[in-house]
Amino acid sequence: MKKEIEKKRAKEQAVVKEMIALYCRKQHGSANLCPSCRELLEYAYTRSQNCPFMEEKTFCSNCRVHCYKPEMREKIREVMRFSGPRMLLYHPAMAVWHVVCSIKEKRKMKNDQKKTDPASGRF
């Protein structure tokens, strides 16, 4: 089980790294990560390494607890908004995998909520 979690964590970190690298290359013109983007990547890695919900979630955007500081959360959102659509051009397999996993996770979360929500008429 622990190997699966570490594999999932590594995959999530790879996606974040590629998205930040793409953002930095296109927005800041840097071949390597600029200091600001490097800081964001290190922050995202730290958050991922310390995540107690890694077993249950796919990506941070699908997590029920947002552990990013507001400033860093806004930065990562900006990166995701910019890089997300462009990932189809630069890393198509990774982009499709990310979208499929996100859709599955959102469906799972919705179904789990229906099961526990008394207003839905189910228990």
PDB file of N, CA and C in Angstrom:
ATOM      1  N   MET A   1       0.820  -1.199   0.000  1.00  0.00           N
ATOM      2  CA  MET A   1       0.000   0.000   0.000  1.00  0.00           C
ATOM      3  C   MET A   1       0.859   1.256   0.000  1.00  0.00           C
ATOM      4  N   LYS A   2       1.930   1.240   0.798  1.00  0.00           N
ATOM      5  CA  LYS A   2       2.790   2.406   0.888  1.00  0.00           C
ATOM      6  C   LYS A   2       3.466   2.703  -0.450  1.00  0.00           C
ATOM      7  N   LYS A   3       3.816   1.657  -1.206  1.00  0.00           N
ATOM      8  CA  LYS A   3       4.430   1.849  -2.521  1.00  0.00           C
ATOM      9  C   LYS A   3       3.465   2.540  -3.475  1.00  0.00           C
ATOM     10  N   GLU A   4       2.186   2.161  -3.407  1.00  0.00           N
ATOM     11  CA  GLU A   4       1.167   2.784  -4.255  1.00  0.00           C
ATOM     12  C   GLU A   4       1.035   4.272  -3.940  1.00  0.00           C
ATOM     13  N   ILE A   5       1.032   4.598  -2.669  1.00  0.00           N
ATOM     14  CA  ILE A   5       0.913   6.001  -2.256  1.00  0.00           C
ATOM     15  C   ILE A   5       2.107   6.800  -2.743  1.00  0.00           C
ATOM     16  N   GLU A   6       3.299   6.234  -2.595  1.00  0.00           N
ATOM     17  CA  GLU A   6       4.504   6.938  -3.047  1.00  0.00           C
ATOM     18  C   GLU A   6       4.522   7.091  -4.567  1.00  0.00           C
ATOM     19  N   LYS A   7       4.014   6.095  -5.265  1.00  0.00           N
ATOM     20  CA  LYS A   7       3.932   6.176  -6.720  1.00  0.00           C
ATOM     21  C   LYS A   7       2.955   7.284  -7.138  1.00  0.00           C
ATOM     22  N   LYS A   8       1.821   7.337  -6.442  1.00  0.00           N
ATOM     23  CA  LYS A   8       0.827   8.380  -6.718  1.00  0.00           C
ATOM     24  C   LYS A   8       1.389   9.770  -6.408  1.00  0.00           C
ATOM     25  N   ARG A   9       2.113   9.867  -5.290  1.00  0.00           N
ATOM     26  CA  ARG A   9       2.724  11.133  -4.897  1.00  0.00           C
ATOM     27  C   ARG A   9       3.745  11.585  -5.957  1.00  0.00           C
ATOM     28  N   ALA A  10       4.550  10.661  -6.429  1.00  0.00           N
ATOM     29  CA  ALA A  10       5.570  10.977  -7.434  1.00  0.00           C
ATOM     30  C   ALA A  10       4.916  11.433  -8.743  1.00  0.00           C
ATOM     31  N   LYS A  11       3.824  10.794  -9.107  1.00  0.00           N
ATOM     32  CA  LYS A  11       3.124  11.167 -10.344  1.00  0.00           C
ATOM     33  C   LYS A  11       2.523  12.573 -10.206  1.00  0.00           C
ATOM     34  N   GLU A  12       1.912  12.846  -9.065  1.00  0.00           N
ATOM     35  CA  GLU A  12       1.344  14.178  -8.821  1.00  0.00           C
ATOM     36  C   GLU A  12       2.444  15.239  -8.869  1.00  0.00           C
ATOM     37  N   GLN A  13       3.572  14.944  -8.254  1.00  0.00           N
ATOM     38  CA  GLN A  13       4.685  15.889  -8.243  1.00  0.00           C
ATOM     39  C   GLN A  13       5.239  16.106  -9.650  1.00  0.00           C
ATOM     40  N   ALA A  14       5.254  15.064 -10.470  1.00  0.00           N
ATOM     41  CA  ALA A  14       5.730  15.196 -11.846  1.00  0.00           C
ATOM     42  C   ALA A  14       4.823  16.121 -12.657  1.00  0.00           C
ATOM     43  N   VAL A  15       3.525  15.985 -12.450  1.00  0.00           N
ATOM     44  CA  VAL A  15       2.570  16.843 -13.154  1.00  0.00           C
ATOM     45  C   VAL A  15       2.771  18.297 -12.733  1.00  0.00           C
ATOM     46  N   VAL A  16       2.872  18.534 -11.441  1.00  0.00           N
ATOM     47  CA  VAL A  16       3.068  19.900 -10.930  1.00  0.00           C
ATOM     48  C   VAL A  16       4.374  20.486 -11.464  1.00  0.00           C
ATOM     49  N   LYS A  17       5.419  19.683 -11.467  1.00  0.00           N
ATOM     50  CA  LYS A  17       6.715  20.161 -11.961  1.00  0.00           C
ATOM     51  C   LYS A  17       6.616  20.575 -13.427  1.00  0.00           C
ATOM     52  N   GLU A  18       5.987  19.765 -14.250  1.00  0.00           N
ATOM     53  CA  GLU A  18       5.854  20.087 -15.670  1.00  0.00           C
ATOM     54  C   GLU A  18       4.999  21.331 -15.887  1.00  0.00           C
ATOM     55  N   MET A  19       3.944  21.476 -15.095  1.00  0.00           N
ATOM     56  CA  MET A  19       3.073  22.640 -15.251  1.00  0.00           C
ATOM     57  C   MET A  19       3.791  23.921 -14.836  1.00  0.00           C
ATOM     58  N   ILE A  20       4.545  23.868 -13.752  1.00  0.00           N
ATOM     59  CA  ILE A  20       5.289  25.049 -13.311  1.00  0.00           C
ATOM     60  C   ILE A  20       6.399  25.360 -14.302  1.00  0.00           C
ATOM     61  N   ALA A  21       7.076  24.342 -14.817  1.00  0.00           N
ATOM     62  CA  ALA A  21       8.148  24.557 -15.796  1.00  0.00           C
ATOM     63  C   ALA A  21       7.595  25.200 -17.069  1.00  0.00           C
ATOM     64  N   LEU A  22       6.453  24.726 -17.531  1.00  0.00           N
ATOM     65  CA  LEU A  22       5.825  25.298 -18.718  1.00  0.00           C
ATOM     66  C   LEU A  22       5.445  26.754 -18.474  1.00  0.00           C
ATOM     67  N   TYR A  23       4.835  27.000 -17.335  1.00  0.00           N
ATOM     68  CA  TYR A  23       4.439  28.363 -16.964  1.00  0.00           C
ATOM     69  C   TYR A  23       5.661  29.288 -16.938  1.00  0.00           C
ATOM     70  N   CYS A  24       6.720  28.862 -16.285  1.00  0.00           N
ATOM     71  CA  CYS A  24       7.913  29.696 -16.139  1.00  0.00           C
ATOM     72  C   CYS A  24       8.555  29.962 -17.500  1.00  0.00           C
ATOM     73  N   ARG A  25       8.626  28.921 -18.312  1.00  0.00           N
ATOM     74  CA  ARG A  25       9.236  29.068 -19.636  1.00  0.00           C
ATOM     75  C   ARG A  25       8.464  30.075 -20.483  1.00  0.00           C
ATOM     76  N   LYS A  26       7.143  29.997 -20.449  1.00  0.00           N
ATOM     77  CA  LYS A  26       6.311  30.868 -21.294  1.00  0.00           C
ATOM     78  C   LYS A  26       6.078  32.254 -20.699  1.00  0.00           C
ATOM     79  N   GLN A  27       5.955  32.344 -19.391  1.00  0.00           N
ATOM     80  CA  GLN A  27       5.650  33.628 -18.752  1.00  0.00           C
ATOM     81  C   GLN A  27       6.896  34.424 -18.368  1.00  0.00           C
ATOM     82  N   HIS A  28       7.945  33.718 -17.961  1.00  0.00           N
ATOM     83  CA  HIS A  28       9.145  34.398 -17.474  1.00  0.00           C
ATOM     84  C   HIS A  28      10.320  34.260 -18.428  1.00  0.00           C
ATOM     85  N   GLY A  29      10.148  33.487 -19.484  1.00  0.00           N
ATOM     86  CA  GLY A  29      11.198  33.318 -20.482  1.00  0.00           C
ATOM     87  C   GLY A  29      12.433  32.600 -19.963  1.00  0.00           C
ATOM     88  N   SER A  30      12.284  31.813 -18.926  1.00  0.00           N
ATOM     89  CA  SER A  30      13.423  31.130 -18.323  1.00  0.00           C
ATOM     90  C   SER A  30      13.539  29.702 -18.847  1.00  0.00           C
ATOM     91  N   ALA A  31      14.752  29.324 -19.248  1.00  0.00           N
ATOM     92  CA  ALA A  31      14.999  27.929 -19.630  1.00  0.00           C
ATOM     93  C   ALA A  31      14.941  27.059 -18.377  1.00  0.00           C
ATOM     94  N   ASN A  32      15.464  27.578 -17.287  1.00  0.00           N
ATOM     95  CA  ASN A  32      15.387  26.928 -15.981  1.00  0.00           C
ATOM     96  C   ASN A  32      14.376  27.680 -15.143  1.00  0.00           C
ATOM     97  N   LEU A  33      13.941  27.081 -14.063  1.00  0.00           N
ATOM     98  CA  LEU A  33      12.967  27.755 -13.207  1.00  0.00           C
ATOM     99  C   LEU A  33      13.569  29.009 -12.583  1.00  0.00           C
ATOM    100  N   CYS A  34      12.809  30.088 -12.622  1.00  0.00           N
ATOM    101  CA  CYS A  34      13.226  31.319 -11.955  1.00  0.00           C
ATOM    102  C   CYS A  34      13.069  31.107 -10.437  1.00  0.00           C
ATOM    103  N   PRO A  35      13.631  31.980  -9.617  1.00  0.00           N
ATOM    104  CA  PRO A  35      13.525  31.799  -8.160  1.00  0.00           C
ATOM    105  C   PRO A  35      12.087  31.708  -7.643  1.00  0.00           C
ATOM    106  N   SER A  36      11.191  32.501  -8.195  1.00  0.00           N
ATOM    107  CA  SER A  36       9.799  32.487  -7.745  1.00  0.00           C
ATOM    108  C   SER A  36       9.132  31.153  -8.068  1.00  0.00           C
ATOM    109  N   CYS A  37       9.354  30.651  -9.263  1.00  0.00           N
ATOM    110  CA  CYS A  37       8.745  29.375  -9.658  1.00  0.00           C
ATOM    111  C   CYS A  37       9.409  28.205  -8.929  1.00  0.00           C
ATOM    112  N   ARG A  38      10.693  28.300  -8.678  1.00  0.00           N
ATOM    113  CA  ARG A  38      11.384  27.260  -7.916  1.00  0.00           C
ATOM    114  C   ARG A  38      10.820  27.195  -6.497  1.00  0.00           C
ATOM    115  N   GLU A  39      10.577  28.367  -5.921  1.00  0.00           N
ATOM    116  CA  GLU A  39       9.994  28.423  -4.571  1.00  0.00           C
ATOM    117  C   GLU A  39       8.608  27.766  -4.558  1.00  0.00           C
ATOM    118  N   LEU A  40       7.810  28.048  -5.577  1.00  0.00           N
ATOM    119  CA  LEU A  40       6.472  27.458  -5.670  1.00  0.00           C
ATOM    120  C   LEU A  40       6.563  25.938  -5.824  1.00  0.00           C
ATOM    121  N   LEU A  41       7.477  25.466  -6.640  1.00  0.00           N
ATOM    122  CA  LEU A  41       7.654  24.029  -6.825  1.00  0.00           C
ATOM    123  C   LEU A  41       8.082  23.356  -5.526  1.00  0.00           C
ATOM    124  N   GLU A  42       9.028  23.934  -4.843  1.00  0.00           N
ATOM    125  CA  GLU A  42       9.481  23.371  -3.565  1.00  0.00           C
ATOM    126  C   GLU A  42       8.346  23.363  -2.545  1.00  0.00           C
ATOM    127  N   TYR A  43       7.553  24.418  -2.537  1.00  0.00           N
ATOM    128  CA  TYR A  43       6.418  24.495  -1.625  1.00  0.00           C
ATOM    129  C   TYR A  43       5.406  23.388  -1.952  1.00  0.00           C
ATOM    130  N   ALA A  44       5.112  23.213  -3.248  1.00  0.00           N
ATOM    131  CA  ALA A  44       4.164  22.180  -3.666  1.00  0.00           C
ATOM    132  C   ALA A  44       4.684  20.791  -3.304  1.00  0.00           C
ATOM    133  N   TYR A  45       5.975  20.552  -3.493  1.00  0.00           N
ATOM    134  CA  TYR A  45       6.567  19.272  -3.123  1.00  0.00           C
ATOM    135  C   TYR A  45       6.433  19.029  -1.620  1.00  0.00           C
ATOM    136  N   THR A  46       6.729  20.046  -0.833  1.00  0.00           N
ATOM    137  CA  THR A  46       6.636  19.912   0.624  1.00  0.00           C
ATOM    138  C   THR A  46       5.210  19.589   1.045  1.00  0.00           C
ATOM    139  N   ARG A  47       4.256  20.290   0.476  1.00  0.00           N
ATOM    140  CA  ARG A  47       2.843  20.041   0.795  1.00  0.00           C
ATOM    141  C   ARG A  47       2.476  18.609   0.423  1.00  0.00           C
ATOM    142  N   SER A  48       2.909  18.165  -0.730  1.00  0.00           N
ATOM    143  CA  SER A  48       2.610  16.811  -1.193  1.00  0.00           C
ATOM    144  C   SER A  48       3.266  15.762  -0.294  1.00  0.00           C
ATOM    145  N   GLN A  49       4.501  15.988   0.088  1.00  0.00           N
ATOM    146  CA  GLN A  49       5.221  15.034   0.944  1.00  0.00           C
ATOM    147  C   GLN A  49       4.557  14.878   2.309  1.00  0.00           C
ATOM    148  N   ASN A  50       3.956  15.950   2.803  1.00  0.00           N
ATOM    149  CA  ASN A  50       3.353  15.931   4.135  1.00  0.00           C
ATOM    150  C   ASN A  50       1.843  15.694   4.125  1.00  0.00           C
ATOM    151  N   CYS A  51       1.290  15.391   2.956  1.00  0.00           N
ATOM    152  CA  CYS A  51      -0.161  15.254   2.839  1.00  0.00           C
ATOM    153  C   CYS A  51      -0.666  13.982   3.525  1.00  0.00           C
ATOM    154  N   PRO A  52      -1.560  14.142   4.510  1.00  0.00           N
ATOM    155  CA  PRO A  52      -2.117  12.969   5.186  1.00  0.00           C
ATOM    156  C   PRO A  52      -3.254  12.310   4.387  1.00  0.00           C
ATOM    157  N   PHE A  53      -3.710  12.955   3.315  1.00  0.00           N
ATOM    158  CA  PHE A  53      -4.833  12.453   2.534  1.00  0.00           C
ATOM    159  C   PHE A  53      -4.420  11.830   1.206  1.00  0.00           C
ATOM    160  N   MET A  54      -3.127  11.632   1.003  1.00  0.00           N
ATOM    161  CA  MET A  54      -2.641  11.129  -0.278  1.00  0.00           C
ATOM    162  C   MET A  54      -3.299   9.804  -0.667  1.00  0.00           C
ATOM    163  N   GLU A  55      -3.594   8.980   0.304  1.00  0.00           N
ATOM    164  CA  GLU A  55      -4.207   7.682   0.035  1.00  0.00           C
ATOM    165  C   GLU A  55      -5.607   7.846  -0.553  1.00  0.00           C
ATOM    166  N   GLU A  56      -6.309   8.904  -0.159  1.00  0.00           N
ATOM    167  CA  GLU A  56      -7.710   9.088  -0.530  1.00  0.00           C
ATOM    168  C   GLU A  56      -7.924   9.966  -1.752  1.00  0.00           C
ATOM    169  N   LYS A  57      -7.000  10.845  -2.082  1.00  0.00           N
ATOM    170  CA  LYS A  57      -7.233  11.827  -3.148  1.00  0.00           C
ATOM    171  C   LYS A  57      -6.315  11.578  -4.333  1.00  0.00           C
ATOM    172  N   THR A  58      -6.634  12.238  -5.431  1.00  0.00           N
ATOM    173  CA  THR A  58      -5.753  12.154  -6.586  1.00  0.00           C
ATOM    174  C   THR A  58      -4.867  13.395  -6.658  1.00  0.00           C
ATOM    175  N   PHE A  59      -5.462  14.573  -6.652  1.00  0.00           N
ATOM    176  CA  PHE A  59      -4.713  15.817  -6.765  1.00  0.00           C
ATOM    177  C   PHE A  59      -5.166  16.801  -5.695  1.00  0.00           C
ATOM    178  N   CYS A  60      -4.343  17.775  -5.426  1.00  0.00           N
ATOM    179  CA  CYS A  60      -4.665  18.771  -4.400  1.00  0.00           C
ATOM    180  C   CYS A  60      -5.983  19.493  -4.704  1.00  0.00           C
ATOM    181  N   SER A  61      -6.259  19.711  -5.975  1.00  0.00           N
ATOM    182  CA  SER A  61      -7.491  20.414  -6.334  1.00  0.00           C
ATOM    183  C   SER A  61      -8.731  19.623  -5.925  1.00  0.00           C
ATOM    184  N   ASN A  62      -8.588  18.314  -5.738  1.00  0.00           N
ATOM    185  CA  ASN A  62      -9.715  17.480  -5.333  1.00  0.00           C
ATOM    186  C   ASN A  62      -9.743  17.204  -3.836  1.00  0.00           C
ATOM    187  N   CYS A  63      -8.869  17.822  -3.112  1.00  0.00           N
ATOM    188  CA  CYS A  63      -8.767  17.547  -1.675  1.00  0.00           C
ATOM    189  C   CYS A  63      -9.814  18.343  -0.902  1.00  0.00           C
ATOM    190  N   ARG A  64     -10.275  17.762   0.181  1.00  0.00           N
ATOM    191  CA  ARG A  64     -11.277  18.446   1.011  1.00  0.00           C
ATOM    192  C   ARG A  64     -10.627  19.491   1.912  1.00  0.00           C
ATOM    193  N   VAL A  65      -9.315  19.380   2.132  1.00  0.00           N
ATOM    194  CA  VAL A  65      -8.574  20.345   2.951  1.00  0.00           C
ATOM    195  C   VAL A  65      -7.533  21.024   2.063  1.00  0.00           C
ATOM    196  N   HIS A  66      -7.568  22.332   2.041  1.00  0.00           N
ATOM    197  CA  HIS A  66      -6.575  23.059   1.248  1.00  0.00           C
ATOM    198  C   HIS A  66      -5.514  23.594   2.195  1.00  0.00           C
ATOM    199  N   CYS A  67      -4.349  22.971   2.119  1.00  0.00           N
ATOM    200  CA  CYS A  67      -3.294  23.284   3.079  1.00  0.00           C
ATOM    201  C   CYS A  67      -2.317  24.346   2.590  1.00  0.00           C
ATOM    202  N   TYR A  68      -2.500  24.835   1.363  1.00  0.00           N
ATOM    203  CA  TYR A  68      -1.619  25.888   0.854  1.00  0.00           C
ATOM    204  C   TYR A  68      -1.937  27.211   1.548  1.00  0.00           C
ATOM    205  N   LYS A  69      -0.898  28.002   1.802  1.00  0.00           N
ATOM    206  CA  LYS A  69      -1.113  29.361   2.290  1.00  0.00           C
ATOM    207  C   LYS A  69      -1.843  30.121   1.184  1.00  0.00           C
ATOM    208  N   PRO A  70      -2.687  31.086   1.531  1.00  0.00           N
ATOM    209  CA  PRO A  70      -3.465  31.798   0.511  1.00  0.00           C
ATOM    210  C   PRO A  70      -2.616  32.353  -0.645  1.00  0.00           C
ATOM    211  N   GLU A  71      -1.469  32.919  -0.334  1.00  0.00           N
ATOM    212  CA  GLU A  71      -0.604  33.489  -1.377  1.00  0.00           C
ATOM    213  C   GLU A  71      -0.119  32.397  -2.337  1.00  0.00           C
ATOM    214  N   MET A  72       0.309  31.271  -1.783  1.00  0.00           N
ATOM    215  CA  MET A  72       0.811  30.177  -2.612  1.00  0.00           C
ATOM    216  C   MET A  72      -0.333  29.485  -3.364  1.00  0.00           C
ATOM    217  N   ARG A  73      -1.461  29.431  -2.752  1.00  0.00           N
ATOM    218  CA  ARG A  73      -2.622  28.834  -3.415  1.00  0.00           C
ATOM    219  C   ARG A  73      -2.993  29.651  -4.652  1.00  0.00           C
ATOM    220  N   GLU A  74      -2.945  30.952  -4.529  1.00  0.00           N
ATOM    221  CA  GLU A  74      -3.256  31.808  -5.673  1.00  0.00           C
ATOM    222  C   GLU A  74      -2.208  31.643  -6.773  1.00  0.00           C
ATOM    223  N   LYS A  75      -0.941  31.526  -6.387  1.00  0.00           N
ATOM    224  CA  LYS A  75       0.122  31.326  -7.382  1.00  0.00           C
ATOM    225  C   LYS A  75      -0.063  30.008  -8.130  1.00  0.00           C
ATOM    226  N   ILE A  76      -0.365  28.943  -7.401  1.00  0.00           N
ATOM    227  CA  ILE A  76      -0.508  27.641  -8.061  1.00  0.00           C
ATOM    228  C   ILE A  76      -1.753  27.629  -8.940  1.00  0.00           C
ATOM    229  N   ARG A  77      -2.784  28.322  -8.532  1.00  0.00           N
ATOM    230  CA  ARG A  77      -3.989  28.432  -9.372  1.00  0.00           C
ATOM    231  C   ARG A  77      -3.669  29.145 -10.687  1.00  0.00           C
ATOM    232  N   GLU A  78      -2.888  30.211 -10.583  1.00  0.00           N
ATOM    233  CA  GLU A  78      -2.484  30.951 -11.786  1.00  0.00           C
ATOM    234  C   GLU A  78      -1.696  30.043 -12.729  1.00  0.00           C
ATOM    235  N   VAL A  79      -0.792  29.274 -12.173  1.00  0.00           N
ATOM    236  CA  VAL A  79       0.002  28.334 -12.965  1.00  0.00           C
ATOM    237  C   VAL A  79      -0.917  27.307 -13.625  1.00  0.00           C
ATOM    238  N   MET A  80      -1.840  26.759 -12.867  1.00  0.00           N
ATOM    239  CA  MET A  80      -2.741  25.731 -13.393  1.00  0.00           C
ATOM    240  C   MET A  80      -3.649  26.295 -14.493  1.00  0.00           C
ATOM    241  N   ARG A  81      -4.146  27.493 -14.279  1.00  0.00           N
ATOM    242  CA  ARG A  81      -5.002  28.124 -15.294  1.00  0.00           C
ATOM    243  C   ARG A  81      -4.246  28.327 -16.601  1.00  0.00           C
ATOM    244  N   PHE A  82      -3.007  28.731 -16.490  1.00  0.00           N
ATOM    245  CA  PHE A  82      -2.198  28.975 -17.679  1.00  0.00           C
ATOM    246  C   PHE A  82      -1.749  27.663 -18.317  1.00  0.00           C
ATOM    247  N   SER A  83      -1.181  26.775 -17.516  1.00  0.00           N
ATOM    248  CA  SER A  83      -0.540  25.575 -18.050  1.00  0.00           C
ATOM    249  C   SER A  83      -1.505  24.459 -18.412  1.00  0.00           C
ATOM    250  N   GLY A  84      -2.616  24.375 -17.702  1.00  0.00           N
ATOM    251  CA  GLY A  84      -3.546  23.275 -17.932  1.00  0.00           C
ATOM    252  C   GLY A  84      -3.899  23.054 -19.391  1.00  0.00           C
ATOM    253  N   PRO A  85      -4.449  24.055 -20.063  1.00  0.00           N
ATOM    254  CA  PRO A  85      -4.808  23.864 -21.477  1.00  0.00           C
ATOM    255  C   PRO A  85      -3.592  23.609 -22.376  1.00  0.00           C
ATOM    256  N   ARG A  86      -2.470  24.188 -22.047  1.00  0.00           N
ATOM    257  CA  ARG A  86      -1.262  24.041 -22.868  1.00  0.00           C
ATOM    258  C   ARG A  86      -0.582  22.680 -22.699  1.00  0.00           C
ATOM    259  N   MET A  87      -0.895  22.001 -21.603  1.00  0.00           N
ATOM    260  CA  MET A  87      -0.311  20.680 -21.374  1.00  0.00           C
ATOM    261  C   MET A  87      -0.708  19.701 -22.484  1.00  0.00           C
ATOM    262  N   LEU A  88      -1.865  19.909 -23.096  1.00  0.00           N
ATOM    263  CA  LEU A  88      -2.269  19.044 -24.208  1.00  0.00           C
ATOM    264  C   LEU A  88      -1.282  19.120 -25.364  1.00  0.00           C
ATOM    265  N   LEU A  89      -0.666  20.264 -25.552  1.00  0.00           N
ATOM    266  CA  LEU A  89       0.309  20.424 -26.635  1.00  0.00           C
ATOM    267  C   LEU A  89       1.689  19.905 -26.259  1.00  0.00           C
ATOM    268  N   TYR A  90       2.095  20.123 -25.028  1.00  0.00           N
ATOM    269  CA  TYR A  90       3.462  19.813 -24.612  1.00  0.00           C
ATOM    270  C   TYR A  90       3.615  18.442 -23.957  1.00  0.00           C
ATOM    271  N   HIS A  91       2.592  18.001 -23.261  1.00  0.00           N
ATOM    272  CA  HIS A  91       2.616  16.700 -22.572  1.00  0.00           C
ATOM    273  C   HIS A  91       1.231  16.062 -22.678  1.00  0.00           C
ATOM    274  N   PRO A  92       0.837  15.642 -23.889  1.00  0.00           N
ATOM    275  CA  PRO A  92      -0.543  15.165 -24.087  1.00  0.00           C
ATOM    276  C   PRO A  92      -0.936  13.964 -23.228  1.00  0.00           C
ATOM    277  N   ALA A  93      -0.067  12.984 -23.098  1.00  0.00           N
ATOM    278  CA  ALA A  93      -0.420  11.803 -22.300  1.00  0.00           C
ATOM    279  C   ALA A  93      -0.644  12.180 -20.842  1.00  0.00           C
ATOM    280  N   MET A  94       0.232  13.026 -20.311  1.00  0.00           N
ATOM    281  CA  MET A  94       0.109  13.463 -18.925  1.00  0.00           C
ATOM    282  C   MET A  94      -1.175  14.269 -18.742  1.00  0.00           C
ATOM    283  N   ALA A  95      -1.494  15.117 -19.708  1.00  0.00           N
ATOM    284  CA  ALA A  95      -2.689  15.961 -19.620  1.00  0.00           C
ATOM    285  C   ALA A  95      -3.959  15.113 -19.633  1.00  0.00           C
ATOM    286  N   VAL A  96      -4.025  14.149 -20.527  1.00  0.00           N
ATOM    287  CA  VAL A  96      -5.208  13.287 -20.614  1.00  0.00           C
ATOM    288  C   VAL A  96      -5.346  12.465 -19.333  1.00  0.00           C
ATOM    289  N   TRP A  97      -4.236  11.913 -18.867  1.00  0.00           N
ATOM    290  CA  TRP A  97      -4.259  11.137 -17.616  1.00  0.00           C
ATOM    291  C   TRP A  97      -4.782  12.001 -16.463  1.00  0.00           C
ATOM    292  N   HIS A  98      -4.307  13.236 -16.377  1.00  0.00           N
ATOM    293  CA  HIS A  98      -4.716  14.151 -15.314  1.00  0.00           C
ATOM    294  C   HIS A  98      -6.215  14.432 -15.379  1.00  0.00           C
ATOM    295  N   VAL A  99      -6.725  14.699 -16.569  1.00  0.00           N
ATOM    296  CA  VAL A  99      -8.151  14.991 -16.732  1.00  0.00           C
ATOM    297  C   VAL A  99      -8.999  13.775 -16.367  1.00  0.00           C
ATOM    298  N   VAL A 100      -8.617  12.606 -16.841  1.00  0.00           N
ATOM    299  CA  VAL A 100      -9.372  11.384 -16.544  1.00  0.00           C
ATOM    300  C   VAL A 100      -9.397  11.128 -15.038  1.00  0.00           C
ATOM    301  N   CYS A 101      -8.240  11.232 -14.395  1.00  0.00           N
ATOM    302  CA  CYS A 101      -8.181  11.017 -12.944  1.00  0.00           C
ATOM    303  C   CYS A 101      -9.031  12.036 -12.191  1.00  0.00           C
ATOM    304  N   SER A 102      -8.988  13.281 -12.621  1.00  0.00           N
ATOM    305  CA  SER A 102      -9.773  14.328 -11.958  1.00  0.00           C
ATOM    306  C   SER A 102     -11.268  14.074 -12.087  1.00  0.00           C
ATOM    307  N   ILE A 103     -11.703  13.672 -13.262  1.00  0.00           N
ATOM    308  CA  ILE A 103     -13.131  13.384 -13.476  1.00  0.00           C
ATOM    309  C   ILE A 103     -13.569  12.214 -12.607  1.00  0.00           C
ATOM    310  N   LYS A 104     -12.770  11.161 -12.579  1.00  0.00           N
ATOM    311  CA  LYS A 104     -13.095   9.999 -11.745  1.00  0.00           C
ATOM    312  C   LYS A 104     -13.186  10.393 -10.275  1.00  0.00           C
ATOM    313  N   GLU A 105     -12.235  11.196  -9.825  1.00  0.00           N
ATOM    314  CA  GLU A 105     -12.211  11.607  -8.421  1.00  0.00           C
ATOM    315  C   GLU A 105     -13.426  12.466  -8.078  1.00  0.00           C
ATOM    316  N   LYS A 106     -13.800  13.379  -8.965  1.00  0.00           N
ATOM    317  CA  LYS A 106     -14.963  14.233  -8.700  1.00  0.00           C
ATOM    318  C   LYS A 106     -16.242  13.408  -8.647  1.00  0.00           C
ATOM    319  N   ARG A 107     -16.350  12.416  -9.510  1.00  0.00           N
ATOM    320  CA  ARG A 107     -17.516  11.518  -9.469  1.00  0.00           C
ATOM    321  C   ARG A 107     -17.548  10.741  -8.165  1.00  0.00           C
ATOM    322  N   LYS A 108     -16.389  10.236  -7.762  1.00  0.00           N
ATOM    323  CA  LYS A 108     -16.297   9.479  -6.520  1.00  0.00           C
ATOM    324  C   LYS A 108     -16.693  10.354  -5.330  1.00  0.00           C
ATOM    325  N   MET A 109     -16.193  11.592  -5.306  1.00  0.00           N
ATOM    326  CA  MET A 109     -16.518  12.509  -4.212  1.00  0.00           C
ATOM    327  C   MET A 109     -18.018  12.802  -4.194  1.00  0.00           C
ATOM    328  N   LYS A 110     -18.592  12.989  -5.361  1.00  0.00           N
ATOM    329  CA  LYS A 110     -20.023  13.280  -5.459  1.00  0.00           C
ATOM    330  C   LYS A 110     -20.845  12.091  -4.959  1.00  0.00           C
ATOM    331  N   ASN A 111     -20.456  10.896  -5.357  1.00  0.00           N
ATOM    332  CA  ASN A 111     -21.165   9.688  -4.906  1.00  0.00           C
ATOM    333  C   ASN A 111     -21.004   9.478  -3.405  1.00  0.00           C
ATOM    334  N   ASP A 112     -19.814   9.730  -2.888  1.00  0.00           N
ATOM    335  CA  ASP A 112     -19.587   9.595  -1.448  1.00  0.00           C
ATOM    336  C   ASP A 112     -20.447  10.586  -0.675  1.00  0.00           C
ATOM    337  N   GLN A 113     -20.587  11.787  -1.200  1.00  0.00           N
ATOM    338  CA  GLN A 113     -21.394  12.794  -0.518  1.00  0.00           C
ATOM    339  C   GLN A 113     -22.872  12.397  -0.541  1.00  0.00           C
ATOM    340  N   LYS A 114     -23.326  11.851  -1.649  1.00  0.00           N
ATOM    341  CA  LYS A 114     -24.723  11.409  -1.734  1.00  0.00           C
ATOM    342  C   LYS A 114     -25.014  10.328  -0.705  1.00  0.00           C
ATOM    343  N   LYS A 115     -24.052   9.443  -0.486  1.00  0.00           N
ATOM    344  CA  LYS A 115     -24.230   8.340   0.465  1.00  0.00           C
ATOM    345  C   LYS A 115     -24.348   8.839   1.899  1.00  0.00           C
ATOM    346  N   THR A 116     -23.688   9.946   2.206  1.00  0.00           N
ATOM    347  CA  THR A 116     -23.679  10.437   3.585  1.00  0.00           C
ATOM    348  C   THR A 116     -24.590  11.629   3.806  1.00  0.00           C
ATOM    349  N   ASP A 117     -25.191  12.152   2.755  1.00  0.00           N
ATOM    350  CA  ASP A 117     -26.033  13.344   2.869  1.00  0.00           C
ATOM    351  C   ASP A 117     -27.477  12.943   3.154  1.00  0.00           C
ATOM    352  N   PRO A 118     -27.983  13.269   4.346  1.00  0.00           N
ATOM    353  CA  PRO A 118     -29.367  12.925   4.684  1.00  0.00           C
ATOM    354  C   PRO A 118     -30.383  13.591   3.777  1.00  0.00           C
ATOM    355  N   ALA A 119     -30.071  14.726   3.205  1.00  0.00           N
ATOM    356  CA  ALA A 119     -30.991  15.440   2.335  1.00  0.00           C
ATOM    357  C   ALA A 119     -31.230  14.696   1.027  1.00  0.00           C
ATOM    358  N   SER A 120     -30.305  13.817   0.651  1.00  0.00           N
ATOM    359  CA  SER A 120     -30.459  13.085  -0.597  1.00  0.00           C
ATOM    360  C   SER A 120     -31.460  11.934  -0.465  1.00  0.00           C
ATOM    361  N   GLY A 121     -31.897  11.653   0.743  1.00  0.00           N
ATOM    362  CA  GLY A 121     -32.840  10.576   0.963  1.00  0.00           C
ATOM    363  C   GLY A 121     -32.178   9.218   1.096  1.00  0.00           C
ATOM    364  N   ARG A 122     -30.880   9.208   1.145  1.00  0.00           N
ATOM    365  CA  ARG A 122     -30.118   7.975   1.285  1.00  0.00           C
ATOM    366  C   ARG A 122     -29.285   8.038   2.544  1.00  0.00           C
ATOM    367  N   PHE A 123     -28.873   6.866   2.981  1.00  0.00           N
ATOM    368  CA  PHE A 123     -27.974   6.805   4.140  1.00  0.00           C
ATOM    369  C   PHE A 123     -26.902   5.790   3.911  1.00  0.00           C
TER     370      PHE A 123
END
